[in-house]
PDB file of N, CA and C in Angstrom:
ATOM      1  N   UNK A   1     168.068 115.236 166.629  1.00  0.00           N
ATOM      2  CA  UNK A   1     166.763 114.877 167.139  1.00  0.00           C
ATOM      3  C   UNK A   1     165.771 114.878 165.969  1.00  0.00           C
ATOM      4  N   UNK A   2     165.032 113.828 165.838  1.00  0.00           N
ATOM      5  CA  UNK A   2     164.010 113.767 164.794  1.00  0.00           C
ATOM      6  C   UNK A   2     162.624 113.889 165.424  1.00  0.00           C
ATOM      7  N   UNK A   3     161.745 114.525 164.692  1.00  0.00           N
ATOM      8  CA  UNK A   3     160.369 114.721 165.145  1.00  0.00           C
ATOM      9  C   UNK A   3     159.453 114.109 164.095  1.00  0.00           C
ATOM     10  N   UNK A   4     158.492 113.312 164.553  1.00  0.00           N
ATOM     11  CA  UNK A   4     157.574 112.726 163.588  1.00  0.00           C
ATOM     12  C   UNK A   4     156.631 113.805 163.051  1.00  0.00           C
ATOM     13  N   UNK A   5     156.028 113.534 161.916  1.00  0.00           N
ATOM     14  CA  UNK A   5     155.202 114.516 161.214  1.00  0.00           C
ATOM     15  C   UNK A   5     154.024 114.986 162.057  1.00  0.00           C
ATOM     16  N   UNK A   6     153.367 114.089 162.772  1.00  0.00           N
ATOM     17  CA  UNK A   6     152.210 114.478 163.593  1.00  0.00           C
ATOM     18  C   UNK A   6     152.608 115.500 164.666  1.00  0.00           C
ATOM     19  N   UNK A   7     153.722 115.250 165.333  1.00  0.00           N
ATOM     20  CA  UNK A   7     154.197 116.176 166.367  1.00  0.00           C
ATOM     21  C   UNK A   7     154.548 117.526 165.756  1.00  0.00           C
ATOM     22  N   UNK A   8     155.203 117.500 164.596  1.00  0.00           N
ATOM     23  CA  UNK A   8     155.561 118.738 163.914  1.00  0.00           C
ATOM     24  C   UNK A   8     154.316 119.545 163.558  1.00  0.00           C
ATOM     25  N   UNK A   9     153.296 118.882 163.000  1.00  0.00           N
ATOM     26  CA  UNK A   9     152.076 119.588 162.597  1.00  0.00           C
ATOM     27  C   UNK A   9     151.319 120.160 163.792  1.00  0.00           C
ATOM     28  N   UNK A  10     151.274 119.429 164.884  1.00  0.00           N
ATOM     29  CA  UNK A  10     150.600 119.935 166.087  1.00  0.00           C
ATOM     30  C   UNK A  10     151.338 121.152 166.634  1.00  0.00           C
ATOM     31  N   UNK A  11     152.658 121.094 166.672  1.00  0.00           N
ATOM     32  CA  UNK A  11     153.443 122.226 167.159  1.00  0.00           C
ATOM     33  C   UNK A  11     153.275 123.431 166.235  1.00  0.00           C
ATOM     34  N   UNK A  12     153.326 123.194 164.945  1.00  0.00           N
ATOM     35  CA  UNK A  12     153.148 124.274 163.978  1.00  0.00           C
ATOM     36  C   UNK A  12     151.763 124.898 164.110  1.00  0.00           C
ATOM     37  N   UNK A  13     150.726 124.063 164.210  1.00  0.00           N
ATOM     38  CA  UNK A  13     149.362 124.581 164.361  1.00  0.00           C
ATOM     39  C   UNK A  13     149.233 125.408 165.635  1.00  0.00           C
ATOM     40  N   UNK A  14     149.825 124.946 166.714  1.00  0.00           N
ATOM     41  CA  UNK A  14     149.744 125.665 167.988  1.00  0.00           C
ATOM     42  C   UNK A  14     150.343 127.064 167.862  1.00  0.00           C
ATOM     43  N   UNK A  15     151.489 127.166 167.222  1.00  0.00           N
ATOM     44  CA  UNK A  15     152.147 128.463 167.038  1.00  0.00           C
ATOM     45  C   UNK A  15     151.316 129.366 166.129  1.00  0.00           C
ATOM     46  N   UNK A  16     150.869 128.822 164.998  1.00  0.00           N
ATOM     47  CA  UNK A  16     150.076 129.611 164.047  1.00  0.00           C
ATOM     48  C   UNK A  16     148.779 130.093 164.695  1.00  0.00           C
ATOM     49  N   UNK A  17     148.091 129.203 165.409  1.00  0.00           N
ATOM     50  CA  UNK A  17     146.817 129.574 166.025  1.00  0.00           C
ATOM     51  C   UNK A  17     147.006 130.641 167.102  1.00  0.00           C
ATOM     52  N   UNK A  18     148.053 130.511 167.893  1.00  0.00           N
ATOM     53  CA  UNK A  18     148.310 131.513 168.926  1.00  0.00           C
ATOM     54  C   UNK A  18     148.562 132.888 168.307  1.00  0.00           C
ATOM     55  N   UNK A  19     149.385 132.935 167.268  1.00  0.00           N
ATOM     56  CA  UNK A  19     149.657 134.209 166.598  1.00  0.00           C
ATOM     57  C   UNK A  19     148.400 134.759 165.918  1.00  0.00           C
ATOM     58  N   UNK A  20     147.637 133.890 165.289  1.00  0.00           N
ATOM     59  CA  UNK A  20     146.403 134.312 164.609  1.00  0.00           C
ATOM     60  C   UNK A  20     145.402 134.893 165.617  1.00  0.00           C
ATOM     61  N   UNK A  21     145.197 134.196 166.719  1.00  0.00           N
ATOM     62  CA  UNK A  21     144.229 134.667 167.717  1.00  0.00           C
ATOM     63  C   UNK A  21     144.662 136.000 168.336  1.00  0.00           C
ATOM     64  N   UNK A  22     145.952 136.195 168.484  1.00  0.00           N
ATOM     65  CA  UNK A  22     146.460 137.417 169.100  1.00  0.00           C
ATOM     66  C   UNK A  22     146.431 138.616 168.150  1.00  0.00           C
ATOM     67  N   UNK A  23     146.797 138.391 166.877  1.00  0.00           N
ATOM     68  CA  UNK A  23     147.012 139.518 165.977  1.00  0.00           C
ATOM     69  C   UNK A  23     145.957 139.713 164.890  1.00  0.00           C
ATOM     70  N   UNK A  24     145.272 138.674 164.480  1.00  0.00           N
ATOM     71  CA  UNK A  24     144.360 138.776 163.346  1.00  0.00           C
ATOM     72  C   UNK A  24     142.900 138.668 163.757  1.00  0.00           C
ATOM     73  N   UNK A  25     142.566 137.706 164.567  1.00  0.00           N
ATOM     74  CA  UNK A  25     141.164 137.433 164.918  1.00  0.00           C
ATOM     75  C   UNK A  25     140.414 138.645 165.474  1.00  0.00           C
ATOM     76  N   UNK A  26     141.026 139.484 166.304  1.00  0.00           N
ATOM     77  CA  UNK A  26     140.277 140.637 166.825  1.00  0.00           C
ATOM     78  C   UNK A  26     139.849 141.636 165.739  1.00  0.00           C
ATOM     79  N   UNK A  27     140.531 141.626 164.601  1.00  0.00           N
ATOM     80  CA  UNK A  27     140.243 142.586 163.536  1.00  0.00           C
ATOM     81  C   UNK A  27     139.465 141.985 162.373  1.00  0.00           C
ATOM     82  N   UNK A  28     139.160 140.706 162.463  1.00  0.00           N
ATOM     83  CA  UNK A  28     138.474 140.004 161.379  1.00  0.00           C
ATOM     84  C   UNK A  28     136.992 140.344 161.375  1.00  0.00           C
ATOM     85  N   UNK A  29     136.431 140.655 160.205  1.00  0.00           N
ATOM     86  CA  UNK A  29     134.993 140.944 160.152  1.00  0.00           C
ATOM     87  C   UNK A  29     134.166 139.667 160.366  1.00  0.00           C
ATOM     88  N   UNK A  30     132.940 139.856 160.799  1.00  0.00           N
ATOM     89  CA  UNK A  30     132.031 138.728 161.001  1.00  0.00           C
ATOM     90  C   UNK A  30     131.622 138.183 159.641  1.00  0.00           C
ATOM     91  N   UNK A  31     131.667 136.869 159.496  1.00  0.00           N
ATOM     92  CA  UNK A  31     131.315 136.230 158.233  1.00  0.00           C
ATOM     93  C   UNK A  31     129.897 135.690 158.300  1.00  0.00           C
ATOM     94  N   UNK A  32     129.197 135.839 157.196  1.00  0.00           N
ATOM     95  CA  UNK A  32     127.853 135.290 157.098  1.00  0.00           C
ATOM     96  C   UNK A  32     127.901 134.028 156.263  1.00  0.00           C
ATOM     97  N   UNK A  33     126.834 133.279 156.344  1.00  0.00           N
ATOM     98  CA  UNK A  33     126.731 132.098 155.499  1.00  0.00           C
ATOM     99  C   UNK A  33     127.176 130.842 156.204  1.00  0.00           C
ATOM    100  N   UNK A  34     127.397 129.828 155.389  1.00  0.00           N
ATOM    101  CA  UNK A  34     127.758 128.515 155.906  1.00  0.00           C
ATOM    102  C   UNK A  34     129.127 128.530 156.571  1.00  0.00           C
ATOM    103  N   UNK A  35     129.251 127.769 157.615  1.00  0.00           N
ATOM    104  CA  UNK A  35     130.508 127.689 158.349  1.00  0.00           C
ATOM    105  C   UNK A  35     131.554 126.931 157.532  1.00  0.00           C
ATOM    106  N   UNK A  36     132.775 127.406 157.553  1.00  0.00           N
ATOM    107  CA  UNK A  36     133.865 126.789 156.799  1.00  0.00           C
ATOM    108  C   UNK A  36     134.230 125.429 157.397  1.00  0.00           C
ATOM    109  N   UNK A  37     134.730 124.548 156.546  1.00  0.00           N
ATOM    110  CA  UNK A  37     135.139 123.224 157.017  1.00  0.00           C
ATOM    111  C   UNK A  37     136.466 123.271 157.772  1.00  0.00           C
ATOM    112  N   UNK A  38     137.332 124.211 157.412  1.00  0.00           N
ATOM    113  CA  UNK A  38     138.614 124.396 158.090  1.00  0.00           C
ATOM    114  C   UNK A  38     138.658 125.784 158.715  1.00  0.00           C
ATOM    115  N   UNK A  39     139.286 125.878 159.861  1.00  0.00           N
ATOM    116  CA  UNK A  39     139.448 127.187 160.491  1.00  0.00           C
ATOM    117  C   UNK A  39     140.543 127.957 159.762  1.00  0.00           C
ATOM    118  N   UNK A  40     140.590 129.252 159.989  1.00  0.00           N
ATOM    119  CA  UNK A  40     141.637 130.077 159.384  1.00  0.00           C
ATOM    120  C   UNK A  40     143.023 129.594 159.811  1.00  0.00           C
ATOM    121  N   UNK A  41     143.160 129.213 161.072  1.00  0.00           N
ATOM    122  CA  UNK A  41     144.451 128.733 161.571  1.00  0.00           C
ATOM    123  C   UNK A  41     144.861 127.429 160.891  1.00  0.00           C
ATOM    124  N   UNK A  42     143.903 126.556 160.615  1.00  0.00           N
ATOM    125  CA  UNK A  42     144.208 125.305 159.923  1.00  0.00           C
ATOM    126  C   UNK A  42     144.678 125.569 158.496  1.00  0.00           C
ATOM    127  N   UNK A  43     144.025 126.511 157.806  1.00  0.00           N
ATOM    128  CA  UNK A  43     144.421 126.852 156.443  1.00  0.00           C
ATOM    129  C   UNK A  43     145.827 127.459 156.442  1.00  0.00           C
ATOM    130  N   UNK A  44     146.094 128.361 157.375  1.00  0.00           N
ATOM    131  CA  UNK A  44     147.429 128.970 157.454  1.00  0.00           C
ATOM    132  C   UNK A  44     148.505 127.927 157.763  1.00  0.00           C
ATOM    133  N   UNK A  45     148.184 126.975 158.620  1.00  0.00           N
ATOM    134  CA  UNK A  45     149.130 125.912 158.943  1.00  0.00           C
ATOM    135  C   UNK A  45     149.441 125.083 157.705  1.00  0.00           C
ATOM    136  N   UNK A  46     148.415 124.769 156.918  1.00  0.00           N
ATOM    137  CA  UNK A  46     148.645 124.032 155.672  1.00  0.00           C
ATOM    138  C   UNK A  46     149.505 124.822 154.696  1.00  0.00           C
ATOM    139  N   UNK A  47     149.297 126.139 154.636  1.00  0.00           N
ATOM    140  CA  UNK A  47     150.109 126.976 153.746  1.00  0.00           C
ATOM    141  C   UNK A  47     151.579 126.994 154.175  1.00  0.00           C
ATOM    142  N   UNK A  48     151.813 127.104 155.472  1.00  0.00           N
ATOM    143  CA  UNK A  48     153.197 127.086 155.971  1.00  0.00           C
ATOM    144  C   UNK A  48     153.819 125.719 155.708  1.00  0.00           C
ATOM    145  N   UNK A  49     153.053 124.673 155.929  1.00  0.00           N
ATOM    146  CA  UNK A  49     153.544 123.317 155.695  1.00  0.00           C
ATOM    147  C   UNK A  49     153.864 123.107 154.219  1.00  0.00           C
ATOM    148  N   UNK A  50     153.048 123.670 153.340  1.00  0.00           N
ATOM    149  CA  UNK A  50     153.311 123.552 151.904  1.00  0.00           C
ATOM    150  C   UNK A  50     154.637 124.221 151.544  1.00  0.00           C
ATOM    151  N   UNK A  51     154.918 125.376 152.122  1.00  0.00           N
ATOM    152  CA  UNK A  51     156.180 126.058 151.865  1.00  0.00           C
ATOM    153  C   UNK A  51     157.361 125.228 152.369  1.00  0.00           C
ATOM    154  N   UNK A  52     157.180 124.598 153.508  1.00  0.00           N
ATOM    155  CA  UNK A  52     158.220 123.749 154.082  1.00  0.00           C
ATOM    156  C   UNK A  52     158.441 122.516 153.208  1.00  0.00           C
ATOM    157  N   UNK A  53     157.363 121.976 152.666  1.00  0.00           N
ATOM    158  CA  UNK A  53     157.416 120.768 151.843  1.00  0.00           C
ATOM    159  C   UNK A  53     158.246 121.018 150.594  1.00  0.00           C
ATOM    160  N   UNK A  54     158.093 122.214 149.994  1.00  0.00           N
ATOM    161  CA  UNK A  54     158.946 122.635 148.909  1.00  0.00           C
ATOM    162  C   UNK A  54     158.698 121.983 147.558  1.00  0.00           C
ATOM    163  N   UNK A  55     157.558 121.381 147.355  1.00  0.00           N
ATOM    164  CA  UNK A  55     157.242 120.777 146.067  1.00  0.00           C
ATOM    165  C   UNK A  55     156.073 121.506 145.440  1.00  0.00           C
ATOM    166  N   UNK A  56     155.567 120.972 144.366  1.00  0.00           N
ATOM    167  CA  UNK A  56     154.443 121.601 143.676  1.00  0.00           C
ATOM    168  C   UNK A  56     153.172 121.519 144.523  1.00  0.00           C
ATOM    169  N   UNK A  57     152.188 122.347 144.173  1.00  0.00           N
ATOM    170  CA  UNK A  57     150.912 122.306 144.890  1.00  0.00           C
ATOM    171  C   UNK A  57     150.259 120.938 144.755  1.00  0.00           C
ATOM    172  N   UNK A  58     150.297 120.387 143.561  1.00  0.00           N
ATOM    173  CA  UNK A  58     149.700 119.072 143.334  1.00  0.00           C
ATOM    174  C   UNK A  58     150.388 118.008 144.183  1.00  0.00           C
ATOM    175  N   UNK A  59     151.714 118.070 144.250  1.00  0.00           N
ATOM    176  CA  UNK A  59     152.460 117.134 145.075  1.00  0.00           C
ATOM    177  C   UNK A  59     152.128 117.291 146.553  1.00  0.00           C
ATOM    178  N   UNK A  60     151.968 118.525 146.989  1.00  0.00           N
ATOM    179  CA  UNK A  60     151.619 118.756 148.374  1.00  0.00           C
ATOM    180  C   UNK A  60     150.219 118.245 148.684  1.00  0.00           C
ATOM    181  N   UNK A  61     149.280 118.438 147.766  1.00  0.00           N
ATOM    182  CA  UNK A  61     147.921 117.939 147.988  1.00  0.00           C
ATOM    183  C   UNK A  61     147.906 116.416 148.119  1.00  0.00           C
ATOM    184  N   UNK A  62     148.687 115.737 147.301  1.00  0.00           N
ATOM    185  CA  UNK A  62     148.788 114.277 147.437  1.00  0.00           C
ATOM    186  C   UNK A  62     149.377 113.917 148.803  1.00  0.00           C
ATOM    187  N   UNK A  63     150.406 114.647 149.205  1.00  0.00           N
ATOM    188  CA  UNK A  63     151.042 114.423 150.503  1.00  0.00           C
ATOM    189  C   UNK A  63     150.045 114.671 151.642  1.00  0.00           C
ATOM    190  N   UNK A  64     149.302 115.764 151.568  1.00  0.00           N
ATOM    191  CA  UNK A  64     148.359 116.127 152.634  1.00  0.00           C
ATOM    192  C   UNK A  64     147.185 115.153 152.721  1.00  0.00           C
ATOM    193  N   UNK A  65     146.755 114.646 151.584  1.00  0.00           N
ATOM    194  CA  UNK A  65     145.621 113.697 151.580  1.00  0.00           C
ATOM    195  C   UNK A  65     146.021 112.350 152.196  1.00  0.00           C
ATOM    196  N   UNK A  66     147.293 112.015 152.146  1.00  0.00           N
ATOM    197  CA  UNK A  66     147.738 110.761 152.768  1.00  0.00           C
ATOM    198  C   UNK A  66     147.746 110.947 154.242  1.00  0.00           C
TER     199      UNK A  66
END
């Protein structure tokens, strides 16, 4: 069974966000200042995806920007 990239990323984000909201968010301190462009769950999803991608950071950034 093959899964397209969009479906994979949505599933990965859903899992990461659920775990983050359950285990990390209740203990996170309140942040001041300008609101971040990406949520913590989005950043974590990108980090997991980068590990899965298995190439250099620069290569992953090119991949992610496409």
